[in-house]
Amino acid sequence: MIGTVNGLSATYGEKRNLLALLPVFPTVSYHLFRVQADGSMSLLRKASWFPDYQGDPIHLLFFSDSHVVADYITDMDIDASCSLMATNNFHGCLIISSIDTNECKLSLELGGRTRNNKLSR
């Protein structure tokens, strides 16, 4: 994560001029933009919410046994080749996905909880 842009968490892939922003109300994992030479941006994708994340995106809060079940992305980063995006959610699930297709390449539960961790090539 590189910091914030107008208060939104952001990361930048310099090799392909890609900027990813976490949305204010996470209904998707992140928004991906191409930054033009003049500084303008065009939206490339609203990356889908991965089913491996626990709970629902935070806008779909619901109550279960008096507990709020919610989820949101806490961190993200673009790799040096600008081909992969890493996102980590509130519950400690790390997802590495293709920037071009949004296909999940790795799903890994962090923090000691067990899950069917998987790696696709």
PDB file of N, CA and C in Angstrom:
ATOM      1  N   MET A   1       0.846  -1.159   0.000  1.00  0.00           N
ATOM      2  CA  MET A   1       0.000   0.000   0.000  1.00  0.00           C
ATOM      3  C   MET A   1       0.895   1.227   0.000  1.00  0.00           C
ATOM      4  N   ILE A   2       0.601   2.170  -0.861  1.00  0.00           N
ATOM      5  CA  ILE A   2       1.454   3.349  -0.941  1.00  0.00           C
ATOM      6  C   ILE A   2       0.969   4.494  -0.081  1.00  0.00           C
ATOM      7  N   GLY A   3      -0.260   4.454   0.328  1.00  0.00           N
ATOM      8  CA  GLY A   3      -0.788   5.551   1.131  1.00  0.00           C
ATOM      9  C   GLY A   3      -2.219   5.839   0.780  1.00  0.00           C
ATOM     10  N   THR A   4      -2.554   7.123   0.709  1.00  0.00           N
ATOM     11  CA  THR A   4      -3.931   7.498   0.422  1.00  0.00           C
ATOM     12  C   THR A   4      -4.000   8.512  -0.709  1.00  0.00           C
ATOM     13  N   VAL A   5      -5.106   8.491  -1.419  1.00  0.00           N
ATOM     14  CA  VAL A   5      -5.439   9.473  -2.446  1.00  0.00           C
ATOM     15  C   VAL A   5      -6.806  10.014  -2.067  1.00  0.00           C
ATOM     16  N   ASN A   6      -6.881  11.282  -1.712  1.00  0.00           N
ATOM     17  CA  ASN A   6      -8.128  11.903  -1.249  1.00  0.00           C
ATOM     18  C   ASN A   6      -8.774  11.086  -0.131  1.00  0.00           C
ATOM     19  N   GLY A   7      -7.961  10.543   0.777  1.00  0.00           N
ATOM     20  CA  GLY A   7      -8.471   9.797   1.912  1.00  0.00           C
ATOM     21  C   GLY A   7      -8.721   8.320   1.665  1.00  0.00           C
ATOM     22  N   LEU A   8      -8.529   7.852   0.435  1.00  0.00           N
ATOM     23  CA  LEU A   8      -8.744   6.440   0.115  1.00  0.00           C
ATOM     24  C   LEU A   8      -7.410   5.708   0.090  1.00  0.00           C
ATOM     25  N   SER A   9      -7.360   4.497   0.649  1.00  0.00           N
ATOM     26  CA  SER A   9      -6.145   3.692   0.603  1.00  0.00           C
ATOM     27  C   SER A   9      -5.830   3.350  -0.842  1.00  0.00           C
ATOM     28  N   ALA A  10      -4.535   3.425  -1.204  1.00  0.00           N
ATOM     29  CA  ALA A  10      -4.153   3.262  -2.603  1.00  0.00           C
ATOM     30  C   ALA A  10      -2.834   2.518  -2.734  1.00  0.00           C
ATOM     31  N   THR A  11      -2.656   1.883  -3.898  1.00  0.00           N
ATOM     32  CA  THR A  11      -1.372   1.313  -4.286  1.00  0.00           C
ATOM     33  C   THR A  11      -1.195   1.575  -5.775  1.00  0.00           C
ATOM     34  N   TYR A  12       0.066   1.698  -6.216  1.00  0.00           N
ATOM     35  CA  TYR A  12       0.355   2.089  -7.594  1.00  0.00           C
ATOM     36  C   TYR A  12       1.341   1.116  -8.225  1.00  0.00           C
ATOM     37  N   GLY A  13       1.039   0.680  -9.439  1.00  0.00           N
ATOM     38  CA  GLY A  13       1.935  -0.170 -10.222  1.00  0.00           C
ATOM     39  C   GLY A  13       2.565   0.661 -11.317  1.00  0.00           C
ATOM     40  N   GLU A  14       3.797   1.093 -11.090  1.00  0.00           N
ATOM     41  CA  GLU A  14       4.462   2.040 -11.993  1.00  0.00           C
ATOM     42  C   GLU A  14       4.690   1.469 -13.392  1.00  0.00           C
ATOM     43  N   LYS A  15       5.011   0.183 -13.491  1.00  0.00           N
ATOM     44  CA  LYS A  15       5.340  -0.422 -14.785  1.00  0.00           C
ATOM     45  C   LYS A  15       4.197  -0.296 -15.799  1.00  0.00           C
ATOM     46  N   ARG A  16       2.953  -0.378 -15.326  1.00  0.00           N
ATOM     47  CA  ARG A  16       1.788  -0.298 -16.213  1.00  0.00           C
ATOM     48  C   ARG A  16       0.890   0.899 -15.905  1.00  0.00           C
ATOM     49  N   ASN A  17       1.371   1.808 -15.045  1.00  0.00           N
ATOM     50  CA  ASN A  17       0.589   2.988 -14.660  1.00  0.00           C
ATOM     51  C   ASN A  17      -0.792   2.615 -14.131  1.00  0.00           C
ATOM     52  N   LEU A  18      -0.820   1.655 -13.202  1.00  0.00           N
ATOM     53  CA  LEU A  18      -2.069   1.197 -12.611  1.00  0.00           C
ATOM     54  C   LEU A  18      -2.193   1.738 -11.195  1.00  0.00           C
ATOM     55  N   LEU A  19      -3.358   2.225 -10.861  1.00  0.00           N
ATOM     56  CA  LEU A  19      -3.658   2.711  -9.531  1.00  0.00           C
ATOM     57  C   LEU A  19      -4.854   1.934  -9.007  1.00  0.00           C
ATOM     58  N   ALA A  20      -4.707   1.358  -7.826  1.00  0.00           N
ATOM     59  CA  ALA A  20      -5.820   0.645  -7.191  1.00  0.00           C
ATOM     60  C   ALA A  20      -6.219   1.393  -5.937  1.00  0.00           C
ATOM     61  N   LEU A  21      -7.523   1.570  -5.770  1.00  0.00           N
ATOM     62  CA  LEU A  21      -8.074   2.266  -4.611  1.00  0.00           C
ATOM     63  C   LEU A  21      -9.067   1.366  -3.905  1.00  0.00           C
ATOM     64  N   LEU A  22      -9.010   1.367  -2.571  1.00  0.00           N
ATOM     65  CA  LEU A  22     -10.049   0.692  -1.800  1.00  0.00           C
ATOM     66  C   LEU A  22     -11.260   1.610  -1.779  1.00  0.00           C
ATOM     67  N   PRO A  23     -12.428   1.075  -2.041  1.00  0.00           N
ATOM     68  CA  PRO A  23     -13.615   1.934  -2.048  1.00  0.00           C
ATOM     69  C   PRO A  23     -13.990   2.380  -0.642  1.00  0.00           C
ATOM     70  N   VAL A  24     -14.694   3.504  -0.554  1.00  0.00           N
ATOM     71  CA  VAL A  24     -15.150   4.011   0.737  1.00  0.00           C
ATOM     72  C   VAL A  24     -16.130   3.020   1.364  1.00  0.00           C
ATOM     73  N   PHE A  25     -17.084   2.539   0.585  1.00  0.00           N
ATOM     74  CA  PHE A  25     -18.021   1.516   1.025  1.00  0.00           C
ATOM     75  C   PHE A  25     -17.717   0.260   0.221  1.00  0.00           C
ATOM     76  N   PRO A  26     -16.999  -0.698   0.810  1.00  0.00           N
ATOM     77  CA  PRO A  26     -16.509  -1.843   0.040  1.00  0.00           C
ATOM     78  C   PRO A  26     -17.604  -2.787  -0.437  1.00  0.00           C
ATOM     79  N   THR A  27     -18.033  -2.569  -1.646  1.00  0.00           N
ATOM     80  CA  THR A  27     -18.944  -3.503  -2.300  1.00  0.00           C
ATOM     81  C   THR A  27     -18.166  -4.366  -3.286  1.00  0.00           C
ATOM     82  N   VAL A  28     -16.908  -4.008  -3.517  1.00  0.00           N
ATOM     83  CA  VAL A  28     -15.981  -4.749  -4.360  1.00  0.00           C
ATOM     84  C   VAL A  28     -14.642  -4.787  -3.626  1.00  0.00           C
ATOM     85  N   SER A  29     -13.705  -5.594  -4.110  1.00  0.00           N
ATOM     86  CA  SER A  29     -12.395  -5.663  -3.451  1.00  0.00           C
ATOM     87  C   SER A  29     -11.613  -4.367  -3.618  1.00  0.00           C
ATOM     88  N   TYR A  30     -11.546  -3.857  -4.839  1.00  0.00           N
ATOM     89  CA  TYR A  30     -10.838  -2.610  -5.119  1.00  0.00           C
ATOM     90  C   TYR A  30     -11.260  -2.099  -6.483  1.00  0.00           C
ATOM     91  N   HIS A  31     -10.968  -0.836  -6.752  1.00  0.00           N
ATOM     92  CA  HIS A  31     -11.171  -0.235  -8.071  1.00  0.00           C
ATOM     93  C   HIS A  31      -9.801  -0.081  -8.719  1.00  0.00           C
ATOM     94  N   LEU A  32      -9.672  -0.495  -9.965  1.00  0.00           N
ATOM     95  CA  LEU A  32      -8.403  -0.426 -10.684  1.00  0.00           C
ATOM     96  C   LEU A  32      -8.510   0.605 -11.804  1.00  0.00           C
ATOM     97  N   PHE A  33      -7.556   1.541 -11.816  1.00  0.00           N
ATOM     98  CA  PHE A  33      -7.539   2.619 -12.809  1.00  0.00           C
ATOM     99  C   PHE A  33      -6.226   2.597 -13.585  1.00  0.00           C
ATOM    100  N   ARG A  34      -6.267   3.058 -14.837  1.00  0.00           N
ATOM    101  CA  ARG A  34      -5.052   3.341 -15.605  1.00  0.00           C
ATOM    102  C   ARG A  34      -4.842   4.838 -15.526  1.00  0.00           C
ATOM    103  N   VAL A  35      -3.615   5.235 -15.152  1.00  0.00           N
ATOM    104  CA  VAL A  35      -3.268   6.650 -15.040  1.00  0.00           C
ATOM    105  C   VAL A  35      -2.600   7.074 -16.349  1.00  0.00           C
ATOM    106  N   GLN A  36      -3.159   8.094 -16.972  1.00  0.00           N
ATOM    107  CA  GLN A  36      -2.631   8.603 -18.248  1.00  0.00           C
ATOM    108  C   GLN A  36      -1.506   9.601 -17.987  1.00  0.00           C
ATOM    109  N   ALA A  37      -0.733   9.905 -19.018  1.00  0.00           N
ATOM    110  CA  ALA A  37       0.398  10.826 -18.905  1.00  0.00           C
ATOM    111  C   ALA A  37      -0.034  12.213 -18.421  1.00  0.00           C
ATOM    112  N   ASP A  38      -1.263  12.628 -18.770  1.00  0.00           N
ATOM    113  CA  ASP A  38      -1.739  13.944 -18.350  1.00  0.00           C
ATOM    114  C   ASP A  38      -2.326  13.945 -16.936  1.00  0.00           C
ATOM    115  N   GLY A  39      -2.293  12.775 -16.267  1.00  0.00           N
ATOM    116  CA  GLY A  39      -2.793  12.669 -14.902  1.00  0.00           C
ATOM    117  C   GLY A  39      -4.240  12.218 -14.799  1.00  0.00           C
ATOM    118  N   SER A  40      -4.926  12.142 -15.942  1.00  0.00           N
ATOM    119  CA  SER A  40      -6.306  11.664 -15.899  1.00  0.00           C
ATOM    120  C   SER A  40      -6.315  10.147 -15.676  1.00  0.00           C
ATOM    121  N   MET A  41      -7.431   9.632 -15.224  1.00  0.00           N
ATOM    122  CA  MET A  41      -7.542   8.205 -14.936  1.00  0.00           C
ATOM    123  C   MET A  41      -8.776   7.635 -15.616  1.00  0.00           C
ATOM    124  N   SER A  42      -8.663   6.365 -16.036  1.00  0.00           N
ATOM    125  CA  SER A  42      -9.821   5.664 -16.573  1.00  0.00           C
ATOM    126  C   SER A  42     -10.007   4.375 -15.785  1.00  0.00           C
ATOM    127  N   LEU A  43     -11.252   4.093 -15.428  1.00  0.00           N
ATOM    128  CA  LEU A  43     -11.571   2.905 -14.657  1.00  0.00           C
ATOM    129  C   LEU A  43     -11.428   1.666 -15.535  1.00  0.00           C
ATOM    130  N   LEU A  44     -10.589   0.715 -15.086  1.00  0.00           N
ATOM    131  CA  LEU A  44     -10.417  -0.544 -15.808  1.00  0.00           C
ATOM    132  C   LEU A  44     -11.315  -1.644 -15.261  1.00  0.00           C
ATOM    133  N   ARG A  45     -11.483  -1.667 -13.938  1.00  0.00           N
ATOM    134  CA  ARG A  45     -12.230  -2.774 -13.341  1.00  0.00           C
ATOM    135  C   ARG A  45     -12.654  -2.428 -11.919  1.00  0.00           C
ATOM    136  N   LYS A  46     -13.818  -2.928 -11.572  1.00  0.00           N
ATOM    137  CA  LYS A  46     -14.229  -3.027 -10.180  1.00  0.00           C
ATOM    138  C   LYS A  46     -14.033  -4.498  -9.844  1.00  0.00           C
ATOM    139  N   ALA A  47     -12.967  -4.814  -9.116  1.00  0.00           N
ATOM    140  CA  ALA A  47     -12.611  -6.206  -8.846  1.00  0.00           C
ATOM    141  C   ALA A  47     -13.655  -6.859  -7.946  1.00  0.00           C
ATOM    142  N   SER A  48     -14.075  -8.039  -8.327  1.00  0.00           N
ATOM    143  CA  SER A  48     -15.146  -8.722  -7.601  1.00  0.00           C
ATOM    144  C   SER A  48     -14.716  -9.142  -6.200  1.00  0.00           C
ATOM    145  N   TRP A  49     -15.700  -9.330  -5.355  1.00  0.00           N
ATOM    146  CA  TRP A  49     -15.494  -9.807  -3.986  1.00  0.00           C
ATOM    147  C   TRP A  49     -15.272 -11.308  -4.048  1.00  0.00           C
ATOM    148  N   PHE A  50     -14.163 -11.794  -3.501  1.00  0.00           N
ATOM    149  CA  PHE A  50     -13.849 -13.218  -3.566  1.00  0.00           C
ATOM    150  C   PHE A  50     -14.642 -14.003  -2.534  1.00  0.00           C
ATOM    151  N   PRO A  51     -15.204 -15.138  -2.901  1.00  0.00           N
ATOM    152  CA  PRO A  51     -15.983 -15.938  -1.950  1.00  0.00           C
ATOM    153  C   PRO A  51     -15.132 -16.502  -0.810  1.00  0.00           C
ATOM    154  N   ASP A  52     -13.809 -16.531  -0.947  1.00  0.00           N
ATOM    155  CA  ASP A  52     -12.940 -17.039   0.117  1.00  0.00           C
ATOM    156  C   ASP A  52     -12.921 -16.111   1.331  1.00  0.00           C
ATOM    157  N   TYR A  53     -13.289 -14.843   1.137  1.00  0.00           N
ATOM    158  CA  TYR A  53     -13.362 -13.945   2.276  1.00  0.00           C
ATOM    159  C   TYR A  53     -14.529 -14.378   3.147  1.00  0.00           C
ATOM    160  N   GLN A  54     -14.362 -14.262   4.460  1.00  0.00           N
ATOM    161  CA  GLN A  54     -15.436 -14.631   5.383  1.00  0.00           C
ATOM    162  C   GLN A  54     -16.450 -13.509   5.441  1.00  0.00           C
ATOM    163  N   GLY A  55     -17.664 -13.857   5.773  1.00  0.00           N
ATOM    164  CA  GLY A  55     -18.699 -12.848   5.926  1.00  0.00           C
ATOM    165  C   GLY A  55     -19.061 -12.218   4.601  1.00  0.00           C
ATOM    166  N   ASP A  56     -19.631 -11.061   4.678  1.00  0.00           N
ATOM    167  CA  ASP A  56     -20.081 -10.328   3.512  1.00  0.00           C
ATOM    168  C   ASP A  56     -19.325  -9.014   3.437  1.00  0.00           C
ATOM    169  N   PRO A  57     -19.310  -8.387   2.264  1.00  0.00           N
ATOM    170  CA  PRO A  57     -18.766  -7.030   2.227  1.00  0.00           C
ATOM    171  C   PRO A  57     -19.484  -6.178   3.260  1.00  0.00           C
ATOM    172  N   ILE A  58     -18.806  -5.193   3.782  1.00  0.00           N
ATOM    173  CA  ILE A  58     -19.307  -4.443   4.936  1.00  0.00           C
ATOM    174  C   ILE A  58     -20.673  -3.811   4.684  1.00  0.00           C
ATOM    175  N   HIS A  59     -21.032  -3.552   3.440  1.00  0.00           N
ATOM    176  CA  HIS A  59     -22.340  -2.946   3.179  1.00  0.00           C
ATOM    177  C   HIS A  59     -23.485  -3.936   3.378  1.00  0.00           C
ATOM    178  N   LEU A  60     -23.171  -5.232   3.538  1.00  0.00           N
ATOM    179  CA  LEU A  60     -24.199  -6.250   3.743  1.00  0.00           C
ATOM    180  C   LEU A  60     -24.133  -6.802   5.165  1.00  0.00           C
ATOM    181  N   LEU A  61     -24.070  -5.923   6.139  1.00  0.00           N
ATOM    182  CA  LEU A  61     -23.999  -6.356   7.534  1.00  0.00           C
ATOM    183  C   LEU A  61     -25.249  -7.153   7.891  1.00  0.00           C
ATOM    184  N   PHE A  62     -25.059  -8.223   8.627  1.00  0.00           N
ATOM    185  CA  PHE A  62     -26.201  -8.942   9.151  1.00  0.00           C
ATOM    186  C   PHE A  62     -25.841  -9.472  10.527  1.00  0.00           C
ATOM    187  N   PHE A  63     -26.821  -9.855  11.284  1.00  0.00           N
ATOM    188  CA  PHE A  63     -26.601 -10.286  12.650  1.00  0.00           C
ATOM    189  C   PHE A  63     -26.795 -11.796  12.750  1.00  0.00           C
ATOM    190  N   SER A  64     -25.877 -12.453  13.447  1.00  0.00           N
ATOM    191  CA  SER A  64     -25.934 -13.885  13.659  1.00  0.00           C
ATOM    192  C   SER A  64     -25.563 -14.148  15.106  1.00  0.00           C
ATOM    193  N   ASP A  65     -26.497 -14.661  15.890  1.00  0.00           N
ATOM    194  CA  ASP A  65     -26.246 -14.910  17.314  1.00  0.00           C
ATOM    195  C   ASP A  65     -25.713 -13.660  18.016  1.00  0.00           C
ATOM    196  N   SER A  66     -26.314 -12.526  17.732  1.00  0.00           N
ATOM    197  CA  SER A  66     -25.970 -11.249  18.365  1.00  0.00           C
ATOM    198  C   SER A  66     -24.577 -10.737  18.004  1.00  0.00           C
ATOM    199  N   HIS A  67     -23.965 -11.247  16.967  1.00  0.00           N
ATOM    200  CA  HIS A  67     -22.668 -10.750  16.506  1.00  0.00           C
ATOM    201  C   HIS A  67     -22.822 -10.169  15.102  1.00  0.00           C
ATOM    202  N   VAL A  68     -22.155  -9.073  14.861  1.00  0.00           N
ATOM    203  CA  VAL A  68     -22.154  -8.499  13.519  1.00  0.00           C
ATOM    204  C   VAL A  68     -21.148  -9.271  12.674  1.00  0.00           C
ATOM    205  N   VAL A  69     -21.593  -9.744  11.529  1.00  0.00           N
ATOM    206  CA  VAL A  69     -20.710 -10.452  10.605  1.00  0.00           C
ATOM    207  C   VAL A  69     -20.455  -9.509   9.436  1.00  0.00           C
ATOM    208  N   ALA A  70     -19.224  -9.062   9.299  1.00  0.00           N
ATOM    209  CA  ALA A  70     -18.886  -8.117   8.239  1.00  0.00           C
ATOM    210  C   ALA A  70     -17.478  -8.398   7.755  1.00  0.00           C
ATOM    211  N   ASP A  71     -17.155  -7.862   6.619  1.00  0.00           N
ATOM    212  CA  ASP A  71     -15.827  -8.051   6.068  1.00  0.00           C
ATOM    213  C   ASP A  71     -15.464  -6.846   5.218  1.00  0.00           C
ATOM    214  N   TYR A  72     -14.182  -6.565   5.143  1.00  0.00           N
ATOM    215  CA  TYR A  72     -13.693  -5.508   4.279  1.00  0.00           C
ATOM    216  C   TYR A  72     -12.200  -5.730   4.054  1.00  0.00           C
ATOM    217  N   ILE A  73     -11.683  -5.145   2.995  1.00  0.00           N
ATOM    218  CA  ILE A  73     -10.272  -5.251   2.652  1.00  0.00           C
ATOM    219  C   ILE A  73      -9.498  -4.269   3.526  1.00  0.00           C
ATOM    220  N   THR A  74      -8.422  -4.749   4.155  1.00  0.00           N
ATOM    221  CA  THR A  74      -7.622  -3.880   5.016  1.00  0.00           C
ATOM    222  C   THR A  74      -6.325  -3.430   4.360  1.00  0.00           C
ATOM    223  N   ASP A  75      -5.760  -4.247   3.472  1.00  0.00           N
ATOM    224  CA  ASP A  75      -4.491  -3.933   2.814  1.00  0.00           C
ATOM    225  C   ASP A  75      -4.503  -4.454   1.390  1.00  0.00           C
ATOM    226  N   MET A  76      -3.689  -3.834   0.553  1.00  0.00           N
ATOM    227  CA  MET A  76      -3.535  -4.318  -0.818  1.00  0.00           C
ATOM    228  C   MET A  76      -2.199  -3.855  -1.363  1.00  0.00           C
ATOM    229  N   ASP A  77      -1.711  -4.562  -2.392  1.00  0.00           N
ATOM    230  CA  ASP A  77      -0.457  -4.175  -3.036  1.00  0.00           C
ATOM    231  C   ASP A  77      -0.401  -4.794  -4.425  1.00  0.00           C
ATOM    232  N   ILE A  78       0.257  -4.111  -5.342  1.00  0.00           N
ATOM    233  CA  ILE A  78       0.498  -4.591  -6.706  1.00  0.00           C
ATOM    234  C   ILE A  78       1.938  -5.055  -6.775  1.00  0.00           C
ATOM    235  N   ASP A  79       2.193  -6.217  -7.414  1.00  0.00           N
ATOM    236  CA  ASP A  79       3.569  -6.707  -7.509  1.00  0.00           C
ATOM    237  C   ASP A  79       4.368  -5.881  -8.517  1.00  0.00           C
ATOM    238  N   ALA A  80       5.683  -6.060  -8.526  1.00  0.00           N
ATOM    239  CA  ALA A  80       6.589  -5.249  -9.357  1.00  0.00           C
ATOM    240  C   ALA A  80       6.305  -5.395 -10.849  1.00  0.00           C
ATOM    241  N   SER A  81       5.833  -6.560 -11.282  1.00  0.00           N
ATOM    242  CA  SER A  81       5.547  -6.763 -12.706  1.00  0.00           C
ATOM    243  C   SER A  81       4.170  -6.238 -13.101  1.00  0.00           C
ATOM    244  N   CYS A  82       3.407  -5.774 -12.118  1.00  0.00           N
ATOM    245  CA  CYS A  82       2.046  -5.273 -12.333  1.00  0.00           C
ATOM    246  C   CYS A  82       1.120  -6.337 -12.919  1.00  0.00           C
ATOM    247  N   SER A  83       1.337  -7.588 -12.535  1.00  0.00           N
ATOM    248  CA  SER A  83       0.464  -8.648 -13.014  1.00  0.00           C
ATOM    249  C   SER A  83      -0.381  -9.262 -11.897  1.00  0.00           C
ATOM    250  N   LEU A  84      -0.004  -9.023 -10.639  1.00  0.00           N
ATOM    251  CA  LEU A  84      -0.722  -9.611  -9.508  1.00  0.00           C
ATOM    252  C   LEU A  84      -1.117  -8.546  -8.490  1.00  0.00           C
ATOM    253  N   MET A  85      -2.265  -8.768  -7.869  1.00  0.00           N
ATOM    254  CA  MET A  85      -2.746  -7.918  -6.787  1.00  0.00           C
ATOM    255  C   MET A  85      -2.872  -8.785  -5.545  1.00  0.00           C
ATOM    256  N   ALA A  86      -2.348  -8.308  -4.434  1.00  0.00           N
ATOM    257  CA  ALA A  86      -2.512  -8.984  -3.153  1.00  0.00           C
ATOM    258  C   ALA A  86      -3.463  -8.159  -2.300  1.00  0.00           C
ATOM    259  N   THR A  87      -4.482  -8.809  -1.765  1.00  0.00           N
ATOM    260  CA  THR A  87      -5.410  -8.152  -0.846  1.00  0.00           C
ATOM    261  C   THR A  87      -5.520  -8.988   0.416  1.00  0.00           C
ATOM    262  N   ASN A  88      -5.708  -8.309   1.525  1.00  0.00           N
ATOM    263  CA  ASN A  88      -5.875  -8.967   2.817  1.00  0.00           C
ATOM    264  C   ASN A  88      -7.138  -8.399   3.446  1.00  0.00           C
ATOM    265  N   ASN A  89      -7.974  -9.280   3.997  1.00  0.00           N
ATOM    266  CA  ASN A  89      -9.219  -8.789   4.559  1.00  0.00           C
ATOM    267  C   ASN A  89      -9.171  -8.719   6.079  1.00  0.00           C
ATOM    268  N   PHE A  90     -10.231  -8.226   6.662  1.00  0.00           N
ATOM    269  CA  PHE A  90     -10.358  -8.030   8.102  1.00  0.00           C
ATOM    270  C   PHE A  90     -10.127  -9.317   8.890  1.00  0.00           C
ATOM    271  N   HIS A  91     -10.526 -10.447   8.327  1.00  0.00           N
ATOM    272  CA  HIS A  91     -10.411 -11.733   9.008  1.00  0.00           C
ATOM    273  C   HIS A  91      -9.078 -12.428   8.760  1.00  0.00           C
ATOM    274  N   GLY A  92      -8.158 -11.810   8.021  1.00  0.00           N
ATOM    275  CA  GLY A  92      -6.840 -12.388   7.801  1.00  0.00           C
ATOM    276  C   GLY A  92      -6.735 -13.322   6.627  1.00  0.00           C
ATOM    277  N   CYS A  93      -7.607 -13.189   5.650  1.00  0.00           N
ATOM    278  CA  CYS A  93      -7.523 -14.004   4.436  1.00  0.00           C
ATOM    279  C   CYS A  93      -6.729 -13.230   3.384  1.00  0.00           C
ATOM    280  N   LEU A  94      -5.621 -13.810   2.934  1.00  0.00           N
ATOM    281  CA  LEU A  94      -4.788 -13.211   1.889  1.00  0.00           C
ATOM    282  C   LEU A  94      -5.212 -13.792   0.552  1.00  0.00           C
ATOM    283  N   ILE A  95      -5.510 -12.926  -0.402  1.00  0.00           N
ATOM    284  CA  ILE A  95      -5.850 -13.348  -1.765  1.00  0.00           C
ATOM    285  C   ILE A  95      -4.843 -12.709  -2.712  1.00  0.00           C
ATOM    286  N   ILE A  96      -4.228 -13.534  -3.552  1.00  0.00           N
ATOM    287  CA  ILE A  96      -3.399 -13.019  -4.640  1.00  0.00           C
ATOM    288  C   ILE A  96      -4.137 -13.362  -5.926  1.00  0.00           C
ATOM    289  N   SER A  97      -4.401 -12.329  -6.723  1.00  0.00           N
ATOM    290  CA  SER A  97      -5.197 -12.512  -7.934  1.00  0.00           C
ATOM    291  C   SER A  97      -4.527 -11.846  -9.125  1.00  0.00           C
ATOM    292  N   SER A  98      -4.930 -12.287 -10.314  1.00  0.00           N
ATOM    293  CA  SER A  98      -4.440 -11.699 -11.554  1.00  0.00           C
ATOM    294  C   SER A  98      -5.072 -10.330 -11.736  1.00  0.00           C
ATOM    295  N   ILE A  99      -4.248  -9.326 -12.031  1.00  0.00           N
ATOM    296  CA  ILE A  99      -4.790  -7.994 -12.301  1.00  0.00           C
ATOM    297  C   ILE A  99      -5.598  -8.003 -13.592  1.00  0.00           C
ATOM    298  N   ASP A 100      -5.161  -8.770 -14.577  1.00  0.00           N
ATOM    299  CA  ASP A 100      -5.841  -8.767 -15.882  1.00  0.00           C
ATOM    300  C   ASP A 100      -7.174  -9.493 -15.876  1.00  0.00           C
ATOM    301  N   THR A 101      -7.294 -10.585 -15.114  1.00  0.00           N
ATOM    302  CA  THR A 101      -8.511 -11.399 -15.152  1.00  0.00           C
ATOM    303  C   THR A 101      -9.270 -11.438 -13.831  1.00  0.00           C
ATOM    304  N   ASN A 102      -8.668 -10.967 -12.758  1.00  0.00           N
ATOM    305  CA  ASN A 102      -9.211 -11.051 -11.400  1.00  0.00           C
ATOM    306  C   ASN A 102      -9.343 -12.505 -10.925  1.00  0.00           C
ATOM    307  N   GLU A 103      -8.685 -13.438 -11.606  1.00  0.00           N
ATOM    308  CA  GLU A 103      -8.696 -14.845 -11.193  1.00  0.00           C
ATOM    309  C   GLU A 103      -7.868 -15.008  -9.921  1.00  0.00           C
ATOM    310  N   CYS A 104      -8.409 -15.729  -8.966  1.00  0.00           N
ATOM    311  CA  CYS A 104      -7.705 -15.990  -7.714  1.00  0.00           C
ATOM    312  C   CYS A 104      -6.563 -16.971  -7.972  1.00  0.00           C
ATOM    313  N   LYS A 105      -5.339 -16.563  -7.650  1.00  0.00           N
ATOM    314  CA  LYS A 105      -4.161 -17.419  -7.816  1.00  0.00           C
ATOM    315  C   LYS A 105      -3.772 -18.087  -6.508  1.00  0.00           C
ATOM    316  N   LEU A 106      -4.031 -17.418  -5.379  1.00  0.00           N
ATOM    317  CA  LEU A 106      -3.693 -17.958  -4.068  1.00  0.00           C
ATOM    318  C   LEU A 106      -4.697 -17.439  -3.052  1.00  0.00           C
ATOM    319  N   SER A 107      -5.190 -18.346  -2.239  1.00  0.00           N
ATOM    320  CA  SER A 107      -6.050 -17.987  -1.117  1.00  0.00           C
ATOM    321  C   SER A 107      -5.430 -18.616   0.120  1.00  0.00           C
ATOM    322  N   LEU A 108      -5.063 -17.789   1.088  1.00  0.00           N
ATOM    323  CA  LEU A 108      -4.367 -18.284   2.258  1.00  0.00           C
ATOM    324  C   LEU A 108      -4.954 -17.648   3.504  1.00  0.00           C
ATOM    325  N   GLU A 109      -5.391 -18.494   4.432  1.00  0.00           N
ATOM    326  CA  GLU A 109      -5.921 -18.012   5.701  1.00  0.00           C
ATOM    327  C   GLU A 109      -4.752 -17.763   6.643  1.00  0.00           C
ATOM    328  N   LEU A 110      -4.611 -16.539   7.106  1.00  0.00           N
ATOM    329  CA  LEU A 110      -3.545 -16.168   8.025  1.00  0.00           C
ATOM    330  C   LEU A 110      -4.087 -16.108   9.446  1.00  0.00           C
ATOM    331  N   GLY A 111      -3.253 -16.121  10.425  1.00  0.00           N
ATOM    332  CA  GLY A 111      -3.686 -15.921  11.795  1.00  0.00           C
ATOM    333  C   GLY A 111      -4.132 -17.169  12.521  1.00  0.00           C
ATOM    334  N   GLY A 112      -3.743 -18.353  12.039  1.00  0.00           N
ATOM    335  CA  GLY A 112      -3.985 -19.574  12.781  1.00  0.00           C
ATOM    336  C   GLY A 112      -5.308 -20.255  12.512  1.00  0.00           C
ATOM    337  N   ARG A 113      -6.225 -19.613  11.805  1.00  0.00           N
ATOM    338  CA  ARG A 113      -7.480 -20.288  11.497  1.00  0.00           C
ATOM    339  C   ARG A 113      -7.238 -21.255  10.345  1.00  0.00           C
ATOM    340  N   THR A 114      -7.957 -22.353  10.334  1.00  0.00           N
ATOM    341  CA  THR A 114      -7.776 -23.334   9.272  1.00  0.00           C
ATOM    342  C   THR A 114      -8.773 -23.092   8.163  1.00  0.00           C
ATOM    343  N   ARG A 115      -8.356 -23.350   6.980  1.00  0.00           N
ATOM    344  CA  ARG A 115      -9.181 -23.212   5.787  1.00  0.00           C
ATOM    345  C   ARG A 115      -8.520 -24.056   4.713  1.00  0.00           C
ATOM    346  N   ASN A 116      -9.230 -24.379   3.693  1.00  0.00           N
ATOM    347  CA  ASN A 116      -8.658 -25.114   2.564  1.00  0.00           C
ATOM    348  C   ASN A 116      -7.818 -24.153   1.725  1.00  0.00           C
ATOM    349  N   ASN A 117      -6.566 -23.952   2.120  1.00  0.00           N
ATOM    350  CA  ASN A 117      -5.683 -23.066   1.372  1.00  0.00           C
ATOM    351  C   ASN A 117      -5.450 -23.659  -0.001  1.00  0.00           C
ATOM    352  N   LYS A 118      -5.424 -22.826  -1.011  1.00  0.00           N
ATOM    353  CA  LYS A 118      -5.265 -23.332  -2.367  1.00  0.00           C
ATOM    354  C   LYS A 118      -4.366 -22.413  -3.182  1.00  0.00           C
ATOM    355  N   LEU A 119      -3.680 -22.995  -4.120  1.00  0.00           N
ATOM    356  CA  LEU A 119      -2.807 -22.263  -5.030  1.00  0.00           C
ATOM    357  C   LEU A 119      -3.117 -22.731  -6.433  1.00  0.00           C
ATOM    358  N   SER A 120      -3.406 -21.788  -7.330  1.00  0.00           N
ATOM    359  CA  SER A 120      -3.613 -22.157  -8.730  1.00  0.00           C
ATOM    360  C   SER A 120      -2.549 -21.487  -9.559  1.00  0.00           C
ATOM    361  N   ARG A 121      -2.185 -22.096 -10.646  1.00  0.00           N
ATOM    362  CA  ARG A 121      -1.127 -21.560 -11.495  1.00  0.00           C
ATOM    363  C   ARG A 121      -1.663 -21.028 -12.786  1.00  0.00           C
TER     364      ARG A 121
END
